[in-house]
Each structure stands twice: as structure tokens, then as C-alpha cells.
């Protein structure tokens, strides 16, 4: 449901005059930032009044509306266990492939150690 817009006399007076671009932006003067003559809320009000009265906001010196910045989406950080899961699984698979060789080597080493402890005489 649309409402009837009522603009103050000051707003209607401001849309009829041409303003410099500096009146809409903060300026750095003598080492200090000075706020603009028209706050962002007042600028929005002026812009709405201009559009309501069929006036181009650029014609009175207003800057164009900047589109909102697109936020970059980062993947969720997650827990350390979750981040390292793929590398851990790859390491497990590699070790499983090498397992028969490791078992054979271990059994050979065990047999060699047993031979060393066995006495040379049969009694």
C-alpha cells in the first residue's frame, strides 16, 4: 500500500538549487575530516524528493548511488580434524597398499633376530 509522501519546505527548496559535489562528500581540510553538508539520510531524502518530482538527482549535483559491494564468500574454516581429513585418508590408503611388503619385511627381520638368539649347538 503506497503512502502519500510529504517533504519539508527545506527539502523542496534544496532540490530546486544546484549544489557542488563537495556538499555531498566528506572533505579533508587542514588535517581534519569535515562532514558533508548533507548527511546520507538527508541525501536519501533529497534523492527521493527529486524522483518524486521528476527531477534527475544528478542535475542538482548529487553523486550517483554506488551499488553495494559483493561480499566474497570464504569457505567455512571448520575444525582441524575436518580440514586434514582428506590428507589423512590418502596417507592411510598409501600405507595399506604398502602393507604386504611391510609385513613380509617384519617377518624376515623377526626370523633373523630369532636365528641370532638360537645357540649354535643343538643341546
PDB file of N, CA and C in Angstrom:
ATOM      1  N   UNK A   1       0.839  -1.152   0.000  1.00  0.00           N
ATOM      2  CA  UNK A   1       0.000   0.000   0.000  1.00  0.00           C
ATOM      3  C   UNK A   1       0.898   1.234   0.000  1.00  0.00           C
ATOM      4  N   UNK A   2       0.732   2.069  -0.942  1.00  0.00           N
ATOM      5  CA  UNK A   2       1.559   3.263  -1.080  1.00  0.00           C
ATOM      6  C   UNK A   2       1.048   4.350  -0.139  1.00  0.00           C
ATOM      7  N   UNK A   3       2.012   5.117   0.376  1.00  0.00           N
ATOM      8  CA  UNK A   3       1.638   6.233   1.243  1.00  0.00           C
ATOM      9  C   UNK A   3       1.912   7.543   0.511  1.00  0.00           C
ATOM     10  N   UNK A   4       1.257   8.577   0.950  1.00  0.00           N
ATOM     11  CA  UNK A   4       1.460   9.899   0.368  1.00  0.00           C
ATOM     12  C   UNK A   4       2.717  10.475   0.991  1.00  0.00           C
ATOM     13  N   UNK A   5       3.652  10.920   0.158  1.00  0.00           N
ATOM     14  CA  UNK A   5       4.907  11.479   0.658  1.00  0.00           C
ATOM     15  C   UNK A   5       4.742  12.977   0.853  1.00  0.00           C
ATOM     16  N   UNK A   6       5.197  13.422   2.025  1.00  0.00           N
ATOM     17  CA  UNK A   6       5.199  14.855   2.305  1.00  0.00           C
ATOM     18  C   UNK A   6       6.633  15.244   2.616  1.00  0.00           C
ATOM     19  N   UNK A   7       7.188  16.136   1.821  1.00  0.00           N
ATOM     20  CA  UNK A   7       8.553  16.601   2.010  1.00  0.00           C
ATOM     21  C   UNK A   7       8.517  17.990   2.633  1.00  0.00           C
ATOM     22  N   UNK A   8       9.503  18.263   3.472  1.00  0.00           N
ATOM     23  CA  UNK A   8       9.558  19.572   4.136  1.00  0.00           C
ATOM     24  C   UNK A   8       9.916  20.662   3.123  1.00  0.00           C
ATOM     25  N   UNK A   9       9.688  21.873   3.538  1.00  0.00           N
ATOM     26  CA  UNK A   9       9.995  23.021   2.679  1.00  0.00           C
ATOM     27  C   UNK A   9      11.490  23.102   2.393  1.00  0.00           C
ATOM     28  N   UNK A  10      12.316  22.752   3.393  1.00  0.00           N
ATOM     29  CA  UNK A  10      13.775  22.805   3.212  1.00  0.00           C
ATOM     30  C   UNK A  10      14.213  21.805   2.139  1.00  0.00           C
ATOM     31  N   UNK A  11      13.617  20.627   2.137  1.00  0.00           N
ATOM     32  CA  UNK A  11      13.979  19.613   1.134  1.00  0.00           C
ATOM     33  C   UNK A  11      13.545  20.083  -0.253  1.00  0.00           C
ATOM     34  N   UNK A  12      12.337  20.602  -0.344  1.00  0.00           N
ATOM     35  CA  UNK A  12      11.853  21.072  -1.642  1.00  0.00           C
ATOM     36  C   UNK A  12      12.679  22.254  -2.150  1.00  0.00           C
ATOM     37  N   UNK A  13      13.148  23.113  -1.220  1.00  0.00           N
ATOM     38  CA  UNK A  13      13.993  24.235  -1.617  1.00  0.00           C
ATOM     39  C   UNK A  13      15.355  23.727  -2.110  1.00  0.00           C
ATOM     40  N   UNK A  14      15.893  22.684  -1.446  1.00  0.00           N
ATOM     41  CA  UNK A  14      17.209  22.154  -1.810  1.00  0.00           C
ATOM     42  C   UNK A  14      17.192  21.416  -3.151  1.00  0.00           C
ATOM     43  N   UNK A  15      16.051  20.859  -3.556  1.00  0.00           N
ATOM     44  CA  UNK A  15      16.040  20.162  -4.850  1.00  0.00           C
ATOM     45  C   UNK A  15      15.911  21.144  -6.015  1.00  0.00           C
ATOM     46  N   UNK A  16      15.581  22.403  -5.697  1.00  0.00           N
ATOM     47  CA  UNK A  16      15.456  23.394  -6.766  1.00  0.00           C
ATOM     48  C   UNK A  16      16.766  24.100  -7.063  1.00  0.00           C
ATOM     49  N   UNK A  17      17.744  23.990  -6.162  1.00  0.00           N
ATOM     50  CA  UNK A  17      19.030  24.663  -6.373  1.00  0.00           C
ATOM     51  C   UNK A  17      20.104  23.650  -6.731  1.00  0.00           C
ATOM     52  N   UNK A  18      21.112  24.123  -7.460  1.00  0.00           N
ATOM     53  CA  UNK A  18      22.225  23.258  -7.852  1.00  0.00           C
ATOM     54  C   UNK A  18      23.305  23.351  -6.781  1.00  0.00           C
ATOM     55  N   UNK A  19      23.792  22.205  -6.333  1.00  0.00           N
ATOM     56  CA  UNK A  19      24.796  22.143  -5.279  1.00  0.00           C
ATOM     57  C   UNK A  19      26.104  21.625  -5.854  1.00  0.00           C
ATOM     58  N   UNK A  20      27.209  21.980  -5.177  1.00  0.00           N
ATOM     59  CA  UNK A  20      28.500  21.425  -5.612  1.00  0.00           C
ATOM     60  C   UNK A  20      28.613  19.991  -5.098  1.00  0.00           C
ATOM     61  N   UNK A  21      29.495  19.253  -5.730  1.00  0.00           N
ATOM     62  CA  UNK A  21      29.641  17.847  -5.375  1.00  0.00           C
ATOM     63  C   UNK A  21      30.234  17.690  -3.973  1.00  0.00           C
ATOM     64  N   UNK A  22      30.988  18.696  -3.511  1.00  0.00           N
ATOM     65  CA  UNK A  22      31.625  18.620  -2.197  1.00  0.00           C
ATOM     66  C   UNK A  22      30.620  18.672  -1.055  1.00  0.00           C
ATOM     67  N   UNK A  23      29.438  19.192  -1.308  1.00  0.00           N
ATOM     68  CA  UNK A  23      28.429  19.275  -0.256  1.00  0.00           C
ATOM     69  C   UNK A  23      27.851  17.903   0.093  1.00  0.00           C
ATOM     70  N   UNK A  24      28.107  16.924  -0.767  1.00  0.00           N
ATOM     71  CA  UNK A  24      27.574  15.583  -0.538  1.00  0.00           C
ATOM     72  C   UNK A  24      28.640  14.602  -0.056  1.00  0.00           C
ATOM     73  N   UNK A  25      29.911  15.046   0.005  1.00  0.00           N
ATOM     74  CA  UNK A  25      31.009  14.158   0.392  1.00  0.00           C
ATOM     75  C   UNK A  25      31.772  14.758   1.566  1.00  0.00           C
ATOM     76  N   UNK A  26      32.355  13.891   2.389  1.00  0.00           N
ATOM     77  CA  UNK A  26      33.226  14.358   3.465  1.00  0.00           C
ATOM     78  C   UNK A  26      34.517  14.870   2.840  1.00  0.00           C
ATOM     79  N   UNK A  27      35.068  15.962   3.395  1.00  0.00           N
ATOM     80  CA  UNK A  27      36.290  16.549   2.845  1.00  0.00           C
ATOM     81  C   UNK A  27      37.361  16.605   3.919  1.00  0.00           C
ATOM     82  N   UNK A  28      38.613  16.508   3.492  1.00  0.00           N
ATOM     83  CA  UNK A  28      39.761  16.549   4.387  1.00  0.00           C
ATOM     84  C   UNK A  28      40.366  17.947   4.320  1.00  0.00           C
ATOM     85  N   UNK A  29      40.191  18.758   5.377  1.00  0.00           N
ATOM     86  CA  UNK A  29      40.648  20.145   5.394  1.00  0.00           C
ATOM     87  C   UNK A  29      41.524  20.371   6.621  1.00  0.00           C
ATOM     88  N   UNK A  30      42.741  20.882   6.399  1.00  0.00           N
ATOM     89  CA  UNK A  30      43.674  21.219   7.479  1.00  0.00           C
ATOM     90  C   UNK A  30      43.898  20.047   8.441  1.00  0.00           C
ATOM     91  N   UNK A  31      44.022  18.851   7.892  1.00  0.00           N
ATOM     92  CA  UNK A  31      44.315  17.690   8.730  1.00  0.00           C
ATOM     93  C   UNK A  31      43.113  17.110   9.453  1.00  0.00           C
ATOM     94  N   UNK A  32      41.915  17.592   9.147  1.00  0.00           N
ATOM     95  CA  UNK A  32      40.715  17.082   9.806  1.00  0.00           C
ATOM     96  C   UNK A  32      39.646  16.769   8.754  1.00  0.00           C
ATOM     97  N   UNK A  33      38.870  15.748   9.042  1.00  0.00           N
ATOM     98  CA  UNK A  33      37.756  15.418   8.155  1.00  0.00           C
ATOM     99  C   UNK A  33      36.545  16.250   8.555  1.00  0.00           C
ATOM    100  N   UNK A  34      35.960  16.881   7.568  1.00  0.00           N
ATOM    101  CA  UNK A  34      34.726  17.631   7.797  1.00  0.00           C
ATOM    102  C   UNK A  34      33.569  16.850   7.205  1.00  0.00           C
ATOM    103  N   UNK A  35      32.500  16.768   7.966  1.00  0.00           N
ATOM    104  CA  UNK A  35      31.347  16.008   7.487  1.00  0.00           C
ATOM    105  C   UNK A  35      30.667  16.768   6.350  1.00  0.00           C
ATOM    106  N   UNK A  36      29.959  16.067   5.482  1.00  0.00           N
ATOM    107  CA  UNK A  36      29.302  16.743   4.356  1.00  0.00           C
ATOM    108  C   UNK A  36      28.149  17.623   4.847  1.00  0.00           C
ATOM    109  N   UNK A  37      27.760  18.535   4.000  1.00  0.00           N
ATOM    110  CA  UNK A  37      26.649  19.433   4.366  1.00  0.00           C
ATOM    111  C   UNK A  37      25.356  18.637   4.502  1.00  0.00           C
ATOM    112  N   UNK A  38      25.187  17.636   3.625  1.00  0.00           N
ATOM    113  CA  UNK A  38      24.003  16.778   3.668  1.00  0.00           C
ATOM    114  C   UNK A  38      24.427  15.386   4.129  1.00  0.00           C
ATOM    115  N   UNK A  39      23.850  14.937   5.231  1.00  0.00           N
ATOM    116  CA  UNK A  39      24.162  13.598   5.713  1.00  0.00           C
ATOM    117  C   UNK A  39      23.588  12.564   4.737  1.00  0.00           C
ATOM    118  N   UNK A  40      23.975  11.323   4.907  1.00  0.00           N
ATOM    119  CA  UNK A  40      23.491  10.278   3.997  1.00  0.00           C
ATOM    120  C   UNK A  40      21.969  10.140   4.077  1.00  0.00           C
ATOM    121  N   UNK A  41      21.413  10.347   5.275  1.00  0.00           N
ATOM    122  CA  UNK A  41      19.960  10.273   5.421  1.00  0.00           C
ATOM    123  C   UNK A  41      19.299  11.416   4.656  1.00  0.00           C
ATOM    124  N   UNK A  42      19.861  12.612   4.763  1.00  0.00           N
ATOM    125  CA  UNK A  42      19.310  13.765   4.028  1.00  0.00           C
ATOM    126  C   UNK A  42      19.494  13.585   2.517  1.00  0.00           C
ATOM    127  N   UNK A  43      20.629  13.001   2.126  1.00  0.00           N
ATOM    128  CA  UNK A  43      20.851  12.744   0.696  1.00  0.00           C
ATOM    129  C   UNK A  43      19.799  11.787   0.161  1.00  0.00           C
ATOM    130  N   UNK A  44      19.474  10.761   0.946  1.00  0.00           N
ATOM    131  CA  UNK A  44      18.438   9.818   0.511  1.00  0.00           C
ATOM    132  C   UNK A  44      17.093  10.525   0.400  1.00  0.00           C
ATOM    133  N   UNK A  45      16.837  11.403   1.345  1.00  0.00           N
ATOM    134  CA  UNK A  45      15.591  12.167   1.317  1.00  0.00           C
ATOM    135  C   UNK A  45      15.534  13.076   0.084  1.00  0.00           C
ATOM    136  N   UNK A  46      16.637  13.738  -0.219  1.00  0.00           N
ATOM    137  CA  UNK A  46      16.705  14.594  -1.408  1.00  0.00           C
ATOM    138  C   UNK A  46      16.509  13.781  -2.681  1.00  0.00           C
ATOM    139  N   UNK A  47      17.149  12.617  -2.723  1.00  0.00           N
ATOM    140  CA  UNK A  47      17.047  11.766  -3.908  1.00  0.00           C
ATOM    141  C   UNK A  47      15.593  11.332  -4.122  1.00  0.00           C
ATOM    142  N   UNK A  48      14.920  10.941  -3.030  1.00  0.00           N
ATOM    143  CA  UNK A  48      13.510  10.531  -3.140  1.00  0.00           C
ATOM    144  C   UNK A  48      12.632  11.698  -3.592  1.00  0.00           C
ATOM    145  N   UNK A  49      12.917  12.874  -3.056  1.00  0.00           N
ATOM    146  CA  UNK A  49      12.129  14.051  -3.436  1.00  0.00           C
ATOM    147  C   UNK A  49      12.345  14.386  -4.911  1.00  0.00           C
ATOM    148  N   UNK A  50      13.593  14.264  -5.364  1.00  0.00           N
ATOM    149  CA  UNK A  50      13.879  14.520  -6.785  1.00  0.00           C
ATOM    150  C   UNK A  50      13.107  13.548  -7.672  1.00  0.00           C
ATOM    151  N   UNK A  51      13.177  12.273  -7.336  1.00  0.00           N
ATOM    152  CA  UNK A  51      12.496  11.273  -8.151  1.00  0.00           C
ATOM    153  C   UNK A  51      10.979  11.462  -8.103  1.00  0.00           C
ATOM    154  N   UNK A  52      10.469  11.874  -6.944  1.00  0.00           N
ATOM    155  CA  UNK A  52       9.032  12.098  -6.808  1.00  0.00           C
ATOM    156  C   UNK A  52       8.571  13.279  -7.660  1.00  0.00           C
ATOM    157  N   UNK A  53       9.445  14.293  -7.802  1.00  0.00           N
ATOM    158  CA  UNK A  53       9.109  15.491  -8.581  1.00  0.00           C
ATOM    159  C   UNK A  53       9.654  15.437 -10.004  1.00  0.00           C
ATOM    160  N   UNK A  54      10.067  14.267 -10.466  1.00  0.00           N
ATOM    161  CA  UNK A  54      10.577  14.055 -11.822  1.00  0.00           C
ATOM    162  C   UNK A  54      11.792  14.932 -12.138  1.00  0.00           C
ATOM    163  N   UNK A  55      12.711  15.038 -11.190  1.00  0.00           N
ATOM    164  CA  UNK A  55      13.959  15.770 -11.382  1.00  0.00           C
ATOM    165  C   UNK A  55      15.090  14.751 -11.308  1.00  0.00           C
ATOM    166  N   UNK A  56      16.051  14.881 -12.214  1.00  0.00           N
ATOM    167  CA  UNK A  56      17.198  13.987 -12.177  1.00  0.00           C
ATOM    168  C   UNK A  56      18.107  14.399 -11.022  1.00  0.00           C
ATOM    169  N   UNK A  57      18.434  13.481 -10.087  1.00  0.00           N
ATOM    170  CA  UNK A  57      19.290  13.850  -8.945  1.00  0.00           C
ATOM    171  C   UNK A  57      20.668  14.352  -9.366  1.00  0.00           C
ATOM    172  N   UNK A  58      21.187  13.895 -10.522  1.00  0.00           N
ATOM    173  CA  UNK A  58      22.489  14.368 -10.993  1.00  0.00           C
ATOM    174  C   UNK A  58      22.434  15.841 -11.390  1.00  0.00           C
ATOM    175  N   UNK A  59      21.255  16.315 -11.772  1.00  0.00           N
ATOM    176  CA  UNK A  59      21.144  17.704 -12.230  1.00  0.00           C
ATOM    177  C   UNK A  59      21.341  18.702 -11.091  1.00  0.00           C
ATOM    178  N   UNK A  60      21.108  18.280  -9.847  1.00  0.00           N
ATOM    179  CA  UNK A  60      21.329  19.198  -8.724  1.00  0.00           C
ATOM    180  C   UNK A  60      22.694  18.957  -8.080  1.00  0.00           C
ATOM    181  N   UNK A  61      23.496  18.072  -8.667  1.00  0.00           N
ATOM    182  CA  UNK A  61      24.857  17.854  -8.193  1.00  0.00           C
ATOM    183  C   UNK A  61      25.040  16.637  -7.315  1.00  0.00           C
ATOM    184  N   UNK A  62      24.007  15.826  -7.148  1.00  0.00           N
ATOM    185  CA  UNK A  62      24.128  14.636  -6.296  1.00  0.00           C
ATOM    186  C   UNK A  62      24.960  13.572  -7.005  1.00  0.00           C
ATOM    187  N   UNK A  63      25.835  12.867  -6.258  1.00  0.00           N
ATOM    188  CA  UNK A  63      26.600  11.780  -6.874  1.00  0.00           C
ATOM    189  C   UNK A  63      25.697  10.579  -7.126  1.00  0.00           C
ATOM    190  N   UNK A  64      26.152   9.710  -8.019  1.00  0.00           N
ATOM    191  CA  UNK A  64      25.373   8.506  -8.301  1.00  0.00           C
ATOM    192  C   UNK A  64      25.411   7.572  -7.098  1.00  0.00           C
ATOM    193  N   UNK A  65      24.383   6.767  -6.982  1.00  0.00           N
ATOM    194  CA  UNK A  65      24.335   5.790  -5.902  1.00  0.00           C
ATOM    195  C   UNK A  65      25.269   4.642  -6.261  1.00  0.00           C
ATOM    196  N   UNK A  66      26.202   4.339  -5.352  1.00  0.00           N
ATOM    197  CA  UNK A  66      27.133   3.241  -5.612  1.00  0.00           C
ATOM    198  C   UNK A  66      26.439   1.925  -5.308  1.00  0.00           C
ATOM    199  N   UNK A  67      26.579   0.959  -6.191  1.00  0.00           N
ATOM    200  CA  UNK A  67      25.964  -0.335  -5.892  1.00  0.00           C
ATOM    201  C   UNK A  67      26.686  -0.979  -4.712  1.00  0.00           C
ATOM    202  N   UNK A  68      25.985  -1.781  -3.927  1.00  0.00           N
ATOM    203  CA  UNK A  68      26.636  -2.407  -2.779  1.00  0.00           C
ATOM    204  C   UNK A  68      27.728  -3.368  -3.232  1.00  0.00           C
ATOM    205  N   UNK A  69      28.795  -3.432  -2.450  1.00  0.00           N
ATOM    206  CA  UNK A  69      29.910  -4.297  -2.805  1.00  0.00           C
ATOM    207  C   UNK A  69      29.512  -5.753  -2.617  1.00  0.00           C
ATOM    208  N   UNK A  70      30.025  -6.583  -3.502  1.00  0.00           N
ATOM    209  CA  UNK A  70      29.736  -8.007  -3.423  1.00  0.00           C
ATOM    210  C   UNK A  70      30.693  -8.621  -2.408  1.00  0.00           C
ATOM    211  N   UNK A  71      30.131  -9.282  -1.439  1.00  0.00           N
ATOM    212  CA  UNK A  71      30.959  -9.907  -0.412  1.00  0.00           C
ATOM    213  C   UNK A  71      31.553 -11.190  -0.969  1.00  0.00           C
ATOM    214  N   UNK A  72      32.852 -11.384  -0.705  1.00  0.00           N
ATOM    215  CA  UNK A  72      33.484 -12.620  -1.138  1.00  0.00           C
ATOM    216  C   UNK A  72      33.153 -13.702  -0.136  1.00  0.00           C
ATOM    217  N   UNK A  73      32.712 -14.806  -0.651  1.00  0.00           N
ATOM    218  CA  UNK A  73      32.353 -15.900   0.237  1.00  0.00           C
ATOM    219  C   UNK A  73      33.566 -16.767   0.493  1.00  0.00           C
ATOM    220  N   UNK A  74      33.899 -16.929   1.751  1.00  0.00           N
ATOM    221  CA  UNK A  74      35.006 -17.794   2.129  1.00  0.00           C
ATOM    222  C   UNK A  74      34.434 -19.146   2.537  1.00  0.00           C
ATOM    223  N   UNK A  75      35.152 -20.204   2.232  1.00  0.00           N
ATOM    224  CA  UNK A  75      34.673 -21.488   2.714  1.00  0.00           C
ATOM    225  C   UNK A  75      34.782 -21.525   4.236  1.00  0.00           C
ATOM    226  N   UNK A  76      33.893 -22.237   4.894  1.00  0.00           N
ATOM    227  CA  UNK A  76      33.979 -22.279   6.345  1.00  0.00           C
ATOM    228  C   UNK A  76      35.292 -22.920   6.794  1.00  0.00           C
ATOM    229  N   UNK A  77      35.871 -22.380   7.846  1.00  0.00           N
ATOM    230  CA  UNK A  77      37.170 -22.851   8.320  1.00  0.00           C
ATOM    231  C   UNK A  77      37.079 -24.285   8.801  1.00  0.00           C
ATOM    232  N   UNK A  78      36.074 -24.614   9.568  1.00  0.00           N
ATOM    233  CA  UNK A  78      35.915 -25.973  10.065  1.00  0.00           C
ATOM    234  C   UNK A  78      36.939 -26.297  11.147  1.00  0.00           C
ATOM    235  N   UNK A  79      36.847 -27.503  11.697  1.00  0.00           N
ATOM    236  CA  UNK A  79      37.797 -27.955  12.706  1.00  0.00           C
ATOM    237  C   UNK A  79      39.029 -28.531  12.012  1.00  0.00           C
ATOM    238  N   UNK A  80      40.126 -28.582  12.732  1.00  0.00           N
ATOM    239  CA  UNK A  80      41.384 -29.066  12.168  1.00  0.00           C
ATOM    240  C   UNK A  80      41.213 -30.494  11.661  1.00  0.00           C
ATOM    241  N   UNK A  81      40.483 -31.301  12.413  1.00  0.00           N
ATOM    242  CA  UNK A  81      40.246 -32.691  12.024  1.00  0.00           C
ATOM    243  C   UNK A  81      39.527 -32.762  10.675  1.00  0.00           C
ATOM    244  N   UNK A  82      38.558 -31.884  10.473  1.00  0.00           N
ATOM    245  CA  UNK A  82      37.819 -31.876   9.219  1.00  0.00           C
ATOM    246  C   UNK A  82      38.685 -31.384   8.062  1.00  0.00           C
ATOM    247  N   UNK A  83      39.554 -30.397   8.315  1.00  0.00           N
ATOM    248  CA  UNK A  83      40.406 -29.850   7.252  1.00  0.00           C
ATOM    249  C   UNK A  83      41.442 -30.867   6.801  1.00  0.00           C
ATOM    250  N   UNK A  84      41.953 -31.658   7.724  1.00  0.00           N
ATOM    251  CA  UNK A  84      43.031 -32.593   7.405  1.00  0.00           C
ATOM    252  C   UNK A  84      42.528 -33.994   7.074  1.00  0.00           C
ATOM    253  N   UNK A  85      41.219 -34.171   6.995  1.00  0.00           N
ATOM    254  CA  UNK A  85      40.640 -35.499   6.787  1.00  0.00           C
ATOM    255  C   UNK A  85      41.082 -36.116   5.462  1.00  0.00           C
ATOM    256  N   UNK A  86      41.059 -35.352   4.381  1.00  0.00           N
ATOM    257  CA  UNK A  86      41.403 -35.903   3.057  1.00  0.00           C
ATOM    258  C   UNK A  86      42.862 -36.348   3.020  1.00  0.00           C
ATOM    259  N   UNK A  87      43.775 -35.546   3.559  1.00  0.00           N
ATOM    260  CA  UNK A  87      45.192 -35.911   3.566  1.00  0.00           C
ATOM    261  C   UNK A  87      45.420 -37.158   4.417  1.00  0.00           C
ATOM    262  N   UNK A  88      44.699 -37.246   5.524  1.00  0.00           N
ATOM    263  CA  UNK A  88      44.837 -38.406   6.412  1.00  0.00           C
ATOM    264  C   UNK A  88      44.354 -39.671   5.713  1.00  0.00           C
ATOM    265  N   UNK A  89      43.231 -39.584   5.001  1.00  0.00           N
ATOM    266  CA  UNK A  89      42.713 -40.753   4.283  1.00  0.00           C
ATOM    267  C   UNK A  89      43.664 -41.185   3.168  1.00  0.00           C
ATOM    268  N   UNK A  90      44.278 -40.224   2.479  1.00  0.00           N
ATOM    269  CA  UNK A  90      45.233 -40.559   1.417  1.00  0.00           C
ATOM    270  C   UNK A  90      46.449 -41.268   2.006  1.00  0.00           C
ATOM    271  N   UNK A  91      46.901 -40.805   3.156  1.00  0.00           N
ATOM    272  CA  UNK A  91      48.051 -41.445   3.824  1.00  0.00           C
ATOM    273  C   UNK A  91      47.702 -42.876   4.244  1.00  0.00           C
ATOM    274  N   UNK A  92      46.498 -43.076   4.748  1.00  0.00           N
ATOM    275  CA  UNK A  92      46.055 -44.413   5.160  1.00  0.00           C
ATOM    276  C   UNK A  92      46.005 -45.344   3.949  1.00  0.00           C
ATOM    277  N   UNK A  93      45.466 -44.867   2.827  1.00  0.00           N
ATOM    278  CA  UNK A  93      45.383 -45.699   1.625  1.00  0.00           C
ATOM    279  C   UNK A  93      46.772 -46.080   1.119  1.00  0.00           C
ATOM    280  N   UNK A  94      47.705 -45.144   1.158  1.00  0.00           N
ATOM    281  CA  UNK A  94      49.076 -45.415   0.726  1.00  0.00           C
ATOM    282  C   UNK A  94      49.710 -46.465   1.621  1.00  0.00           C
ATOM    283  N   UNK A  95      49.517 -46.327   2.936  1.00  0.00           N
ATOM    284  CA  UNK A  95      50.077 -47.308   3.873  1.00  0.00           C
ATOM    285  C   UNK A  95      49.447 -48.689   3.703  1.00  0.00           C
ATOM    286  N   UNK A  96      48.165 -48.729   3.388  1.00  0.00           N
ATOM    287  CA  UNK A  96      47.505 -50.028   3.175  1.00  0.00           C
ATOM    288  C   UNK A  96      48.039 -50.724   1.928  1.00  0.00           C
ATOM    289  N   UNK A  97      48.381 -49.953   0.902  1.00  0.00           N
ATOM    290  CA  UNK A  97      48.936 -50.560  -0.310  1.00  0.00           C
ATOM    291  C   UNK A  97      50.320 -51.146  -0.048  1.00  0.00           C
ATOM    292  N   UNK A  98      51.087 -50.492   0.825  1.00  0.00           N
ATOM    293  CA  UNK A  98      52.434 -50.968   1.145  1.00  0.00           C
ATOM    294  C   UNK A  98      52.444 -52.033   2.242  1.00  0.00           C
ATOM    295  N   UNK A  99      51.302 -52.354   2.824  1.00  0.00           N
ATOM    296  CA  UNK A  99      51.243 -53.239   3.981  1.00  0.00           C
ATOM    297  C   UNK A  99      51.781 -54.647   3.718  1.00  0.00           C
ATOM    298  N   UNK A 100      51.455 -55.340   2.626  1.00  0.00           N
ATOM    299  CA  UNK A 100      52.005 -56.700   2.430  1.00  0.00           C
ATOM    300  C   UNK A 100      53.542 -56.713   2.427  1.00  0.00           C
ATOM    301  N   UNK A 101      54.146 -55.703   1.814  1.00  0.00           N
ATOM    302  CA  UNK A 101      55.611 -55.611   1.796  1.00  0.00           C
ATOM    303  C   UNK A 101      56.161 -55.388   3.202  1.00  0.00           C
ATOM    304  N   UNK A 102      55.504 -54.531   3.974  1.00  0.00           N
ATOM    305  CA  UNK A 102      55.945 -54.253   5.346  1.00  0.00           C
ATOM    306  C   UNK A 102      55.821 -55.501   6.220  1.00  0.00           C
ATOM    307  N   UNK A 103      54.742 -56.265   6.062  1.00  0.00           N
ATOM    308  CA  UNK A 103      54.545 -57.483   6.856  1.00  0.00           C
ATOM    309  C   UNK A 103      55.625 -58.506   6.515  1.00  0.00           C
ATOM    310  N   UNK A 104      55.913 -58.677   5.220  1.00  0.00           N
ATOM    311  CA  UNK A 104      56.951 -59.625   4.821  1.00  0.00           C
ATOM    312  C   UNK A 104      58.312 -59.223   5.391  1.00  0.00           C
ATOM    313  N   UNK A 105      58.631 -57.958   5.316  1.00  0.00           N
ATOM    314  CA  UNK A 105      59.905 -57.459   5.841  1.00  0.00           C
ATOM    315  C   UNK A 105      59.979 -57.663   7.354  1.00  0.00           C
ATOM    316  N   UNK A 106      58.890 -57.385   8.056  1.00  0.00           N
ATOM    317  CA  UNK A 106      58.847 -57.554   9.512  1.00  0.00           C
ATOM    318  C   UNK A 106      59.068 -59.014   9.893  1.00  0.00           C
ATOM    319  N   UNK A 107      58.414 -59.932   9.159  1.00  0.00           N
ATOM    320  CA  UNK A 107      58.590 -61.370   9.446  1.00  0.00           C
ATOM    321  C   UNK A 107      60.021 -61.818   9.180  1.00  0.00           C
ATOM    322  N   UNK A 108      60.624 -61.295   8.103  1.00  0.00           N
ATOM    323  CA  UNK A 108      62.027 -61.639   7.813  1.00  0.00           C
ATOM    324  C   UNK A 108      62.954 -61.134   8.922  1.00  0.00           C
ATOM    325  N   UNK A 109      62.740 -59.913   9.379  1.00  0.00           N
ATOM    326  CA  UNK A 109      63.556 -59.354  10.465  1.00  0.00           C
ATOM    327  C   UNK A 109      63.376 -60.153  11.753  1.00  0.00           C
ATOM    328  N   UNK A 110      62.147 -60.578  12.026  1.00  0.00           N
ATOM    329  CA  UNK A 110      61.864 -61.370  13.217  1.00  0.00           C
ATOM    330  C   UNK A 110      62.576 -62.712  13.149  1.00  0.00           C
ATOM    331  N   UNK A 111      62.578 -63.334  11.957  1.00  0.00           N
ATOM    332  CA  UNK A 111      63.262 -64.628  11.787  1.00  0.00           C
ATOM    333  C   UNK A 111      64.768 -64.456  11.960  1.00  0.00           C
ATOM    334  N   UNK A 112      65.341 -63.385  11.461  1.00  0.00           N
ATOM    335  CA  UNK A 112      66.775 -63.127  11.621  1.00  0.00           C
ATOM    336  C   UNK A 112      67.146 -62.937  13.092  1.00  0.00           C
ATOM    337  N   UNK A 113      66.311 -62.182  13.837  1.00  0.00           N
ATOM    338  CA  UNK A 113      66.563 -61.984  15.264  1.00  0.00           C
ATOM    339  C   UNK A 113      66.479 -63.303  16.023  1.00  0.00           C
ATOM    340  N   UNK A 114      65.552 -64.160  15.636  1.00  0.00           N
ATOM    341  CA  UNK A 114      65.399 -65.464  16.294  1.00  0.00           C
ATOM    342  C   UNK A 114      66.622 -66.335  16.029  1.00  0.00           C
ATOM    343  N   UNK A 115      67.175 -66.265  14.818  1.00  0.00           N
ATOM    344  CA  UNK A 115      68.377 -67.040  14.464  1.00  0.00           C
ATOM    345  C   UNK A 115      69.576 -66.570  15.289  1.00  0.00           C
ATOM    346  N   UNK A 116      69.654 -65.271  15.542  1.00  0.00           N
ATOM    347  CA  UNK A 116      70.767 -64.734  16.324  1.00  0.00           C
ATOM    348  C   UNK A 116      70.740 -65.263  17.759  1.00  0.00           C
ATOM    349  N   UNK A 117      69.547 -65.367  18.346  1.00  0.00           N
ATOM    350  CA  UNK A 117      69.446 -65.820  19.744  1.00  0.00           C
ATOM    351  C   UNK A 117      69.545 -67.331  19.881  1.00  0.00           C
ATOM    352  N   UNK A 118      69.408 -68.069  18.820  1.00  0.00           N
ATOM    353  CA  UNK A 118      69.468 -69.535  18.875  1.00  0.00           C
ATOM    354  C   UNK A 118      70.947 -69.966  19.059  1.00  0.00           C
ATOM    355  N   UNK A 119      71.182 -70.870  19.947  1.00  0.00           N
ATOM    356  CA  UNK A 119      72.556 -71.333  20.157  1.00  0.00           C
ATOM    357  C   UNK A 119      73.037 -72.164  18.963  1.00  0.00           C
ATOM    358  N   UNK A 120      74.343 -72.181  18.771  1.00  0.00           N
ATOM    359  CA  UNK A 120      74.891 -72.918  17.622  1.00  0.00           C
ATOM    360  C   UNK A 120      74.915 -74.430  17.882  1.00  0.00           C
ATOM    361  N   UNK A 121      74.975 -74.844  19.132  1.00  0.00           N
ATOM    362  CA  UNK A 121      74.978 -76.270  19.460  1.00  0.00           C
ATOM    363  C   UNK A 121      73.560 -76.742  19.678  1.00  0.00           C
ATOM    364  N   UNK A 122      73.260 -77.975  19.306  1.00  0.00           N
ATOM    365  CA  UNK A 122      71.874 -78.470  19.383  1.00  0.00           C
ATOM    366  C   UNK A 122      71.439 -78.813  20.809  1.00  0.00           C
ATOM    367  N   UNK A 123      72.306 -78.806  21.792  1.00  0.00           N
ATOM    368  CA  UNK A 123      71.880 -79.211  23.137  1.00  0.00           C
ATOM    369  C   UNK A 123      72.014 -78.165  24.169  1.00  0.00           C
TER     370      UNK A 123
END
